Amino acid sequence: MSIRTVGVVGTGVIGSSWIGLFLARGLQVIVSDPASGAEQKLAAYLQAIWPTMQKSGLAPNAALTNYRFVGAQFKHHFANVDFVQENAPERIELKTDILGEIDAATRPDVVIASSSSGIPSSRFISKCAVNAGRVLIGHPFNPPHLMPLVEVVPHAETAAASTETAMNFYKSLGRKPVLIRQEIPGFAANRLQAAVCNEAYSLVSRGVLSAQDLDTCVTSSLGPRWAVTGPLLSNAMGGGGGTDGFKHFLEHLGPATRSWMDDMQAHAFQWTPEGLATLRESVAKELQGKDTKELERKRDQCLVEVLRVKGDM
């Protein structure tokens, strides 16, 4: 089935970014959000990111005008959409109600993908009376209009055809979808992020180094390396490459790594008022004198260049 029109529910940071990507790829978009001022905020956001989308390459028929904002009334406008991307807040009861309404408003074969960042879709499909087998997770990494990753997470009853449709659709957008074969909280990328961030929070809150130096540790070593080869290939190359590289790496650094892990677990970040206060204070010093909007602009500019060099854009 050719996907030409996408229905989007929710225009927060993730939903609005998805819309920018869909428009840049020449799709028609029907947008629903009941929040006051949502239409104006979306228009301003799309205007702000469109120059970046132009630099990253637009489809011949791409246009900022190819969307229709329908407020809270998606039930009257989703009969002809070919794919749905849901972006409601991470509340199970809310998602359950919204997914049930989307399920009732769309053709039975239309895939309904949730941008949920950690809640498996099996937790909010109980009101999908038409076809719960077309519901799955299509979790992007923020911001979706730039970051290639999309985690596709079917639940136990998701039809294989729906999973295949979602994978192919995201590929057609120039994304890099990965299939998560088991439903687990947080999926994969956010769990990896949580593991790294938890140790980062611990190191800074314990006074081992400042927030600024911690970020430098990542942006000047792990970040660039992992951007090219990821942690597993990087370790295999660090072990001498070839088929035995990874085995050698584990044998060579495994014992030391295990001792580090013991120390990390013994000093895991404590979510106490004191620990949080120390962490916030260090981050505040790093942010001092910096304009967040300018940081976002530079981040996006660098991401476009990095992704272009890697061939991901």
Protein backbone atom coordinates (compact mmCIF):
# COMPACT_ATOMS: atom_id res chain seq x y z
CA MET A 1 0.00 0.00 0.00
CA SER A 2 1.31 3.43 -0.94
CA ILE A 3 1.36 5.87 1.96
CA ARG A 4 0.50 9.38 0.79
CA THR A 5 -1.40 10.86 3.73
CA VAL A 6 -0.32 10.58 7.37
CA GLY A 7 -2.45 11.33 10.38
CA VAL A 8 -0.59 12.85 13.32
CA VAL A 9 -2.05 13.10 16.82
CA GLY A 10 -0.19 15.40 19.19
CA THR A 11 2.02 18.37 18.29
CA GLY A 12 4.52 18.49 21.11
CA VAL A 13 8.24 18.43 20.36
CA ILE A 14 8.13 14.92 18.87
CA GLY A 15 4.86 15.26 16.96
CA SER A 16 5.82 18.59 15.41
CA SER A 17 9.21 17.23 14.37
CA TRP A 18 7.54 14.20 12.74
CA ILE A 19 5.27 16.57 10.82
CA GLY A 20 8.29 18.49 9.53
CA LEU A 21 9.82 15.25 8.26
CA PHE A 22 6.58 14.06 6.63
CA LEU A 23 6.16 17.39 4.84
CA ALA A 24 9.79 17.40 3.71
CA ARG A 25 9.23 13.98 2.13
CA GLY A 26 6.27 15.29 0.13
CA LEU A 27 3.47 13.72 2.15
CA GLN A 28 0.08 15.16 3.02
CA VAL A 29 -0.51 15.41 6.78
CA ILE A 30 -3.69 15.71 8.83
CA VAL A 31 -2.84 17.08 12.26
CA SER A 32 -4.85 16.79 15.46
CA ASP A 33 -4.19 18.41 18.82
CA PRO A 34 -6.82 19.77 21.23
CA ALA A 35 -4.45 22.06 23.13
CA SER A 36 -5.05 25.79 23.05
CA GLY A 37 -2.59 27.55 20.73
CA ALA A 38 -1.30 24.26 19.29
CA GLU A 39 -1.95 25.32 15.69
CA GLN A 40 0.04 28.53 16.04
CA LYS A 41 2.91 26.84 17.87
CA LEU A 42 3.12 24.17 15.17
CA ALA A 43 3.23 26.75 12.38
CA ALA A 44 6.03 28.66 14.12
CA TYR A 45 8.00 25.45 14.75
CA LEU A 46 7.72 24.31 11.13
CA GLN A 47 8.86 27.70 9.88
CA ALA A 48 11.87 27.51 12.21
CA ILE A 49 13.04 24.04 11.09
CA TRP A 50 12.23 24.35 7.38
CA PRO A 51 15.61 25.90 6.42
CA THR A 52 17.30 22.87 8.02
CA MET A 53 14.99 20.55 6.09
CA GLN A 54 15.86 22.38 2.88
CA LYS A 55 19.57 21.85 3.56
CA SER A 56 19.00 18.16 4.21
CA GLY A 57 17.06 17.79 0.95
CA LEU A 58 13.38 18.07 0.08
CA ALA A 59 11.20 15.83 -2.06
CA PRO A 60 10.10 17.50 -5.33
CA ASN A 61 6.54 17.98 -4.03
CA ALA A 62 7.47 19.00 -0.47
CA ALA A 63 5.69 22.05 0.90
CA LEU A 64 4.95 23.61 4.26
CA THR A 65 1.34 24.03 3.16
CA ASN A 66 0.69 20.29 2.77
CA TYR A 67 -0.92 19.87 6.18
CA ARG A 68 -4.37 20.48 7.60
CA PHE A 69 -4.90 21.20 11.29
CA VAL A 70 -8.17 19.71 12.56
CA GLY A 71 -7.92 20.42 16.28
CA ALA A 72 -9.52 17.69 18.39
CA GLN A 73 -11.71 16.41 15.55
CA PHE A 74 -9.49 13.70 14.06
CA LYS A 75 -12.36 11.20 14.27
CA HIS A 76 -14.03 13.08 11.40
CA HIS A 77 -10.88 13.36 9.25
CA PHE A 78 -8.90 10.12 9.60
CA ALA A 79 -11.02 7.91 7.33
CA ASN A 80 -8.62 8.38 4.42
CA VAL A 81 -5.22 8.48 6.12
CA ASP A 82 -2.74 5.76 5.15
CA PHE A 83 -0.64 5.74 8.34
CA VAL A 84 -1.00 7.22 11.83
CA GLN A 85 1.75 8.53 14.10
CA GLU A 86 0.45 9.08 17.65
CA ASN A 87 2.39 11.38 20.01
CA ALA A 88 0.22 11.78 23.11
CA PRO A 89 1.81 12.25 26.56
CA GLU A 90 3.24 9.16 28.29
CA ARG A 91 0.11 8.32 30.27
CA ILE A 92 -1.32 4.84 29.80
CA GLU A 93 -4.95 5.81 30.42
CA LEU A 94 -4.75 8.70 27.95
CA LYS A 95 -3.05 6.62 25.28
CA THR A 96 -5.57 3.81 25.76
CA ASP A 97 -8.46 6.19 25.08
CA ILE A 98 -6.76 7.87 22.12
CA LEU A 99 -5.65 4.61 20.50
CA GLY A 100 -9.21 3.28 20.82
CA GLU A 101 -10.54 6.38 19.07
CA ILE A 102 -7.91 6.20 16.32
CA ASP A 103 -8.66 2.50 15.84
CA ALA A 104 -12.35 3.30 15.36
CA ALA A 105 -11.71 6.24 13.02
CA THR A 106 -9.32 4.64 10.52
CA ARG A 107 -9.48 1.88 7.92
CA PRO A 108 -8.79 -1.53 9.53
CA ASP A 109 -5.55 -2.04 7.57
CA VAL A 110 -3.93 1.29 8.48
CA VAL A 111 -0.90 0.96 10.76
CA ILE A 112 -1.11 2.94 13.99
CA ALA A 113 2.36 3.73 15.33
CA SER A 114 2.90 5.26 18.75
CA SER A 115 5.91 7.45 19.48
CA SER A 116 5.88 6.21 23.08
CA SER A 117 9.42 6.49 24.44
CA GLY A 118 9.18 3.58 26.84
CA ILE A 119 5.69 2.17 27.33
CA PRO A 120 5.08 -1.00 25.27
CA SER A 121 1.99 -0.80 23.06
CA SER A 122 0.43 -3.88 24.68
CA ARG A 123 -0.23 -1.62 27.69
CA PHE A 124 -2.65 0.67 25.81
CA ILE A 125 -4.51 -1.37 23.15
CA SER A 126 -7.38 -2.65 25.28
CA LYS A 127 -9.90 -0.29 23.61
CA CYS A 128 -8.81 -1.08 20.03
CA ALA A 129 -11.92 -3.05 19.10
CA VAL A 130 -11.44 -2.89 15.30
CA ASN A 131 -7.91 -4.22 14.84
CA ALA A 132 -5.33 -4.13 17.64
CA GLY A 133 -3.03 -6.14 15.38
CA ARG A 134 -2.06 -3.03 13.40
CA VAL A 135 -0.79 -1.18 16.49
CA LEU A 136 2.93 -0.97 17.29
CA ILE A 137 5.59 1.39 18.57
CA GLY A 138 7.39 3.67 16.12
CA HIS A 139 9.72 5.41 18.58
CA PRO A 140 12.00 8.07 17.07
CA PHE A 141 15.07 9.62 18.59
CA ASN A 142 14.69 13.34 19.18
CA PRO A 143 14.45 15.32 16.93
CA PRO A 144 12.79 12.97 14.41
CA HIS A 145 13.20 15.38 11.50
CA LEU A 146 16.98 14.93 11.81
CA MET A 147 17.80 11.75 13.74
CA PRO A 148 17.63 8.62 11.57
CA LEU A 149 16.76 6.04 14.25
CA VAL A 150 13.24 4.69 14.65
CA GLU A 151 12.61 1.76 16.99
CA VAL A 152 9.78 -0.42 15.68
CA VAL A 153 8.35 -2.49 18.54
CA PRO A 154 5.41 -4.81 17.79
CA HIS A 155 3.39 -6.32 20.62
CA ALA A 156 2.68 -10.06 20.76
CA GLU A 157 -0.44 -9.76 18.57
CA THR A 158 0.87 -7.23 16.05
CA ALA A 159 0.46 -8.61 12.53
CA ALA A 160 3.71 -9.27 10.67
CA ALA A 161 2.34 -7.27 7.73
CA SER A 162 1.89 -4.21 9.96
CA THR A 163 5.45 -4.47 11.21
CA GLU A 164 6.73 -4.79 7.65
CA THR A 165 4.66 -1.79 6.53
CA ALA A 166 6.06 0.36 9.34
CA MET A 167 9.65 -0.69 8.66
CA ASN A 168 9.29 0.05 4.94
CA PHE A 169 7.52 3.36 5.55
CA TYR A 170 10.24 4.66 7.86
CA LYS A 171 12.90 3.53 5.39
CA SER A 172 11.10 5.48 2.65
CA LEU A 173 11.48 8.59 4.82
CA GLY A 174 15.25 8.11 4.91
CA ARG A 175 15.15 6.81 8.49
CA LYS A 176 17.01 3.79 9.89
CA PRO A 177 14.38 1.64 11.59
CA VAL A 178 15.47 -1.18 13.88
CA LEU A 179 13.19 -4.02 14.92
CA ILE A 180 12.94 -4.59 18.67
CA ARG A 181 11.95 -8.23 18.94
CA GLN A 182 10.72 -8.20 22.54
CA GLU A 183 8.59 -5.68 24.40
CA ILE A 184 10.70 -4.25 27.23
CA PRO A 185 10.27 -0.94 29.09
CA GLY A 186 12.28 1.84 27.44
CA PHE A 187 13.02 -0.31 24.37
CA ALA A 188 16.73 -0.19 23.38
CA ALA A 189 18.10 3.29 22.64
CA ASN A 190 16.60 4.93 25.72
CA ARG A 191 17.85 2.10 27.93
CA LEU A 192 21.36 2.65 26.56
CA GLN A 193 20.97 6.38 27.13
CA ALA A 194 19.70 5.81 30.66
CA ALA A 195 22.67 3.58 31.51
CA VAL A 196 25.21 6.15 30.30
CA CYS A 197 23.36 9.07 31.88
CA ASN A 198 23.03 7.32 35.23
CA GLU A 199 26.80 6.95 35.45
CA ALA A 200 27.23 10.54 34.23
CA TYR A 201 24.89 11.78 36.98
CA SER A 202 26.81 9.73 39.54
CA LEU A 203 30.23 11.06 38.51
CA VAL A 204 29.09 14.69 38.54
CA SER A 205 27.05 14.49 41.76
CA ARG A 206 30.01 12.82 43.52
CA GLY A 207 32.32 15.64 42.43
CA VAL A 208 34.54 13.39 40.32
CA LEU A 209 34.33 15.95 37.51
CA SER A 210 32.19 18.88 36.43
CA ALA A 211 29.18 18.68 34.14
CA GLN A 212 31.14 20.52 31.45
CA ASP A 213 34.06 18.09 31.64
CA LEU A 214 31.67 15.13 31.66
CA ASP A 215 30.07 16.35 28.43
CA THR A 216 33.54 16.87 26.96
CA CYS A 217 34.38 13.24 27.79
CA VAL A 218 31.49 12.15 25.58
CA THR A 219 31.67 14.71 22.76
CA SER A 220 35.45 14.31 22.37
CA SER A 221 35.74 10.53 22.57
CA LEU A 222 32.78 8.15 22.77
CA GLY A 223 30.39 10.37 20.84
CA PRO A 224 32.37 10.72 17.59
CA ARG A 225 33.59 7.11 17.70
CA TRP A 226 30.19 5.59 18.37
CA ALA A 227 28.63 7.84 15.74
CA VAL A 228 30.71 6.00 13.17
CA THR A 229 30.93 2.39 14.39
CA GLY A 230 28.77 2.00 17.52
CA PRO A 231 30.00 0.38 20.74
CA LEU A 232 30.21 -3.25 19.58
CA LEU A 233 32.10 -2.67 16.32
CA SER A 234 34.30 -0.14 18.12
CA ASN A 235 35.24 -2.77 20.69
CA ALA A 236 35.90 -5.34 17.99
CA MET A 237 38.21 -2.89 16.24
CA GLY A 238 39.83 -2.07 19.59
CA GLY A 239 40.61 -5.76 19.94
CA GLY A 240 42.53 -5.81 16.70
CA GLY A 241 39.67 -6.17 14.23
CA GLY A 242 38.79 -9.26 12.27
CA THR A 243 36.56 -12.06 13.49
CA ASP A 244 38.60 -12.54 16.68
CA GLY A 245 38.82 -8.83 17.56
CA PHE A 246 35.78 -8.74 19.78
CA LYS A 247 36.78 -11.97 21.55
CA HIS A 248 40.25 -10.56 22.24
CA PHE A 249 38.78 -7.28 23.50
CA LEU A 250 36.51 -9.07 25.97
CA GLU A 251 39.31 -11.31 27.20
CA HIS A 252 41.77 -8.42 27.49
CA LEU A 253 39.53 -5.80 29.15
CA GLY A 254 36.79 -8.02 30.57
CA PRO A 255 38.25 -8.47 34.08
CA ALA A 256 38.95 -4.74 34.45
CA THR A 257 35.50 -3.84 33.11
CA ARG A 258 33.86 -6.13 35.64
CA SER A 259 35.69 -4.38 38.47
CA TRP A 260 34.57 -1.00 37.08
CA MET A 261 30.99 -2.25 36.96
CA ASP A 262 31.20 -3.32 40.60
CA ASP A 263 32.35 0.17 41.55
CA MET A 264 29.67 1.78 39.38
CA GLN A 265 26.94 -0.29 41.02
CA ALA A 266 28.30 0.56 44.46
CA HIS A 267 28.18 4.27 43.59
CA ALA A 268 25.03 4.36 41.44
CA PHE A 269 23.42 7.79 41.30
CA GLN A 270 21.14 8.39 44.25
CA TRP A 271 17.94 10.25 43.37
CA THR A 272 18.03 12.16 46.65
CA PRO A 273 17.46 15.91 47.09
CA GLU A 274 21.16 16.32 47.84
CA GLY A 275 22.33 14.35 44.82
CA LEU A 276 19.94 16.16 42.50
CA ALA A 277 20.92 19.57 43.89
CA THR A 278 24.64 18.94 43.29
CA LEU A 279 23.97 17.70 39.78
CA ARG A 280 21.72 20.66 38.89
CA GLU A 281 24.27 23.11 40.26
CA SER A 282 27.03 21.74 38.04
CA VAL A 283 24.81 21.70 34.96
CA ALA A 284 23.72 25.29 35.71
CA LYS A 285 27.38 26.36 35.70
CA GLU A 286 27.86 24.70 32.30
CA LEU A 287 24.81 26.55 30.94
CA GLN A 288 25.86 29.91 32.36
CA GLY A 289 26.07 32.54 29.61
CA LYS A 290 24.77 30.14 26.94
CA ASP A 291 21.64 30.67 24.85
CA THR A 292 19.65 27.42 24.65
CA LYS A 293 18.09 28.32 21.30
CA GLU A 294 21.52 29.03 19.87
CA LEU A 295 22.78 25.70 21.25
CA GLU A 296 19.88 23.95 19.53
CA ARG A 297 20.65 25.74 16.25
CA LYS A 298 24.32 24.74 16.40
CA ARG A 299 23.36 21.18 17.39
CA ASP A 300 21.05 20.83 14.41
CA GLN A 301 23.61 22.37 12.06
CA CYS A 302 26.29 19.94 13.25
CA LEU A 303 23.90 16.99 13.08
CA VAL A 304 23.09 17.76 9.45
CA GLU A 305 26.80 17.85 8.57
CA VAL A 306 27.64 14.69 10.52
CA LEU A 307 24.73 12.75 9.08
CA ARG A 308 25.56 13.93 5.57
CA VAL A 309 29.17 12.78 5.91
CA LYS A 310 27.97 9.40 7.20
CA GLY A 311 25.56 9.04 4.31
CA ASP A 312 22.53 9.05 6.61
CA MET A 313 20.96 12.11 5.00
